Amino acid sequence: MNFDMTLDKSIPLGEKRVFKIKWQAYNVFNHTEFNAIGSTFNFNAAGGNTNTTTGQYTSTLSPRQMVLALRFEF
């Protein structure tokens, strides 16, 4: 589950001028999302699996990311 958030503020500065501030956050609560599970087997001569990541999570999706945008319109 992933939560994204945006805060946006427009500040008028006269007749045709506007200053805009936008802050965006992706994966706000920094919830870990697992992406892949190790599914390969490597067997040695005795028949044992030598791959230590078999059946374990091997990667995750992106952690929390934030963007700040400032814009002046005239």
C-alpha atoms as a PDB file:
ATOM      1  CA  MET A   1       0.000   0.000   0.000  1.00  0.00           C
ATOM      2  CA  ASN A   2       1.370   3.395  -0.991  1.00  0.00           C
ATOM      3  CA  PHE A   3       0.270   6.901   0.039  1.00  0.00           C
ATOM      4  CA  ASP A   4       1.188  10.029  -1.949  1.00  0.00           C
ATOM      5  CA  MET A   5       0.510  13.599  -0.835  1.00  0.00           C
ATOM      6  CA  THR A   6       0.582  17.074  -2.424  1.00  0.00           C
ATOM      7  CA  LEU A   7       0.387  20.471  -0.724  1.00  0.00           C
ATOM      8  CA  ASP A   8      -0.161  23.453  -3.002  1.00  0.00           C
ATOM      9  CA  LYS A   9      -0.287  27.192  -2.169  1.00  0.00           C
ATOM     10  CA  SER A  10      -0.830  30.149  -4.522  1.00  0.00           C
ATOM     11  CA  ILE A  11       0.126  33.624  -3.299  1.00  0.00           C
ATOM     12  CA  PRO A  12      -1.189  36.537  -5.402  1.00  0.00           C
ATOM     13  CA  LEU A  13       1.303  39.418  -5.797  1.00  0.00           C
ATOM     14  CA  GLY A  14      -0.701  42.079  -7.576  1.00  0.00           C
ATOM     15  CA  GLU A  15      -2.842  42.026 -10.679  1.00  0.00           C
ATOM     16  CA  LYS A  16      -1.149  39.407 -12.857  1.00  0.00           C
ATOM     17  CA  ARG A  17       1.607  38.017 -10.657  1.00  0.00           C
ATOM     18  CA  VAL A  18       1.308  34.818  -8.685  1.00  0.00           C
ATOM     19  CA  PHE A  19       3.900  32.933  -6.633  1.00  0.00           C
ATOM     20  CA  LYS A  20       3.145  29.216  -6.337  1.00  0.00           C
ATOM     21  CA  ILE A  21       4.633  26.702  -3.906  1.00  0.00           C
ATOM     22  CA  LYS A  22       4.065  22.968  -4.384  1.00  0.00           C
ATOM     23  CA  TRP A  23       5.391  20.187  -2.167  1.00  0.00           C
ATOM     24  CA  GLN A  24       4.870  16.556  -3.207  1.00  0.00           C
ATOM     25  CA  ALA A  25       5.729  13.438  -1.237  1.00  0.00           C
ATOM     26  CA  TYR A  26       5.592   9.911  -2.631  1.00  0.00           C
ATOM     27  CA  ASN A  27       5.320   6.946  -0.250  1.00  0.00           C
ATOM     28  CA  VAL A  28       4.672   9.389   2.624  1.00  0.00           C
ATOM     29  CA  PHE A  29       4.765   6.796   5.411  1.00  0.00           C
ATOM     30  CA  ASN A  30       7.873   5.100   3.956  1.00  0.00           C
ATOM     31  CA  HIS A  31       6.128   1.710   3.939  1.00  0.00           C
ATOM     32  CA  THR A  32       8.413  -0.999   2.591  1.00  0.00           C
ATOM     33  CA  GLU A  33       7.125  -2.684  -0.543  1.00  0.00           C
ATOM     34  CA  PHE A  34       8.988  -5.842  -1.463  1.00  0.00           C
ATOM     35  CA  ASN A  35       9.540  -6.321  -5.172  1.00  0.00           C
ATOM     36  CA  ALA A  36      11.187  -9.677  -5.878  1.00  0.00           C
ATOM     37  CA  ILE A  37      11.832 -13.037  -4.254  1.00  0.00           C
ATOM     38  CA  GLY A  38      14.927 -15.123  -4.930  1.00  0.00           C
ATOM     39  CA  SER A  39      13.822 -18.125  -6.981  1.00  0.00           C
ATOM     40  CA  THR A  40      17.046 -19.647  -8.281  1.00  0.00           C
ATOM     41  CA  PHE A  41      18.736 -22.800  -7.064  1.00  0.00           C
ATOM     42  CA  ASN A  42      22.438 -23.639  -7.370  1.00  0.00           C
ATOM     43  CA  PHE A  43      23.343 -27.184  -6.421  1.00  0.00           C
ATOM     44  CA  ASN A  44      26.780 -28.436  -5.485  1.00  0.00           C
ATOM     45  CA  ALA A  45      28.072 -31.988  -5.986  1.00  0.00           C
ATOM     46  CA  ALA A  46      26.526 -33.141  -2.690  1.00  0.00           C
ATOM     47  CA  GLY A  47      23.076 -31.989  -3.844  1.00  0.00           C
ATOM     48  CA  GLY A  48      22.747 -28.992  -1.504  1.00  0.00           C
ATOM     49  CA  ASN A  49      21.559 -25.564  -2.552  1.00  0.00           C
ATOM     50  CA  THR A  50      24.413 -23.015  -2.444  1.00  0.00           C
ATOM     51  CA  ASN A  51      22.271 -19.960  -3.259  1.00  0.00           C
ATOM     52  CA  THR A  52      21.615 -18.103   0.012  1.00  0.00           C
ATOM     53  CA  THR A  53      18.806 -15.875  -1.340  1.00  0.00           C
ATOM     54  CA  THR A  54      16.398 -18.618  -2.440  1.00  0.00           C
ATOM     55  CA  GLY A  55      12.960 -17.860  -0.978  1.00  0.00           C
ATOM     56  CA  GLN A  56      13.981 -14.480   0.471  1.00  0.00           C
ATOM     57  CA  TYR A  57      13.025 -10.969  -0.591  1.00  0.00           C
ATOM     58  CA  THR A  58      15.820  -9.559  -2.752  1.00  0.00           C
ATOM     59  CA  SER A  59      14.662  -6.013  -3.603  1.00  0.00           C
ATOM     60  CA  THR A  60      12.210  -3.296  -2.653  1.00  0.00           C
ATOM     61  CA  LEU A  61      10.457  -0.451  -4.449  1.00  0.00           C
ATOM     62  CA  SER A  62      11.540   3.173  -3.995  1.00  0.00           C
ATOM     63  CA  PRO A  63      11.591   4.674  -0.489  1.00  0.00           C
ATOM     64  CA  ARG A  64      10.011   8.032   0.370  1.00  0.00           C
ATOM     65  CA  GLN A  65      10.743  10.749  -2.202  1.00  0.00           C
ATOM     66  CA  MET A  66       9.908  14.447  -1.945  1.00  0.00           C
ATOM     67  CA  VAL A  67       9.741  17.271  -4.501  1.00  0.00           C
ATOM     68  CA  LEU A  68       9.578  21.017  -3.851  1.00  0.00           C
ATOM     69  CA  ALA A  69       8.589  23.329  -6.711  1.00  0.00           C
ATOM     70  CA  LEU A  70       8.594  27.140  -6.647  1.00  0.00           C
ATOM     71  CA  ARG A  71       6.981  29.000  -9.525  1.00  0.00           C
ATOM     72  CA  PHE A  72       6.559  32.691 -10.316  1.00  0.00           C
ATOM     73  CA  GLU A  73       3.950  33.563 -12.942  1.00  0.00           C
ATOM     74  CA  PHE A  74       3.770  37.002 -14.514  1.00  0.00           C
END
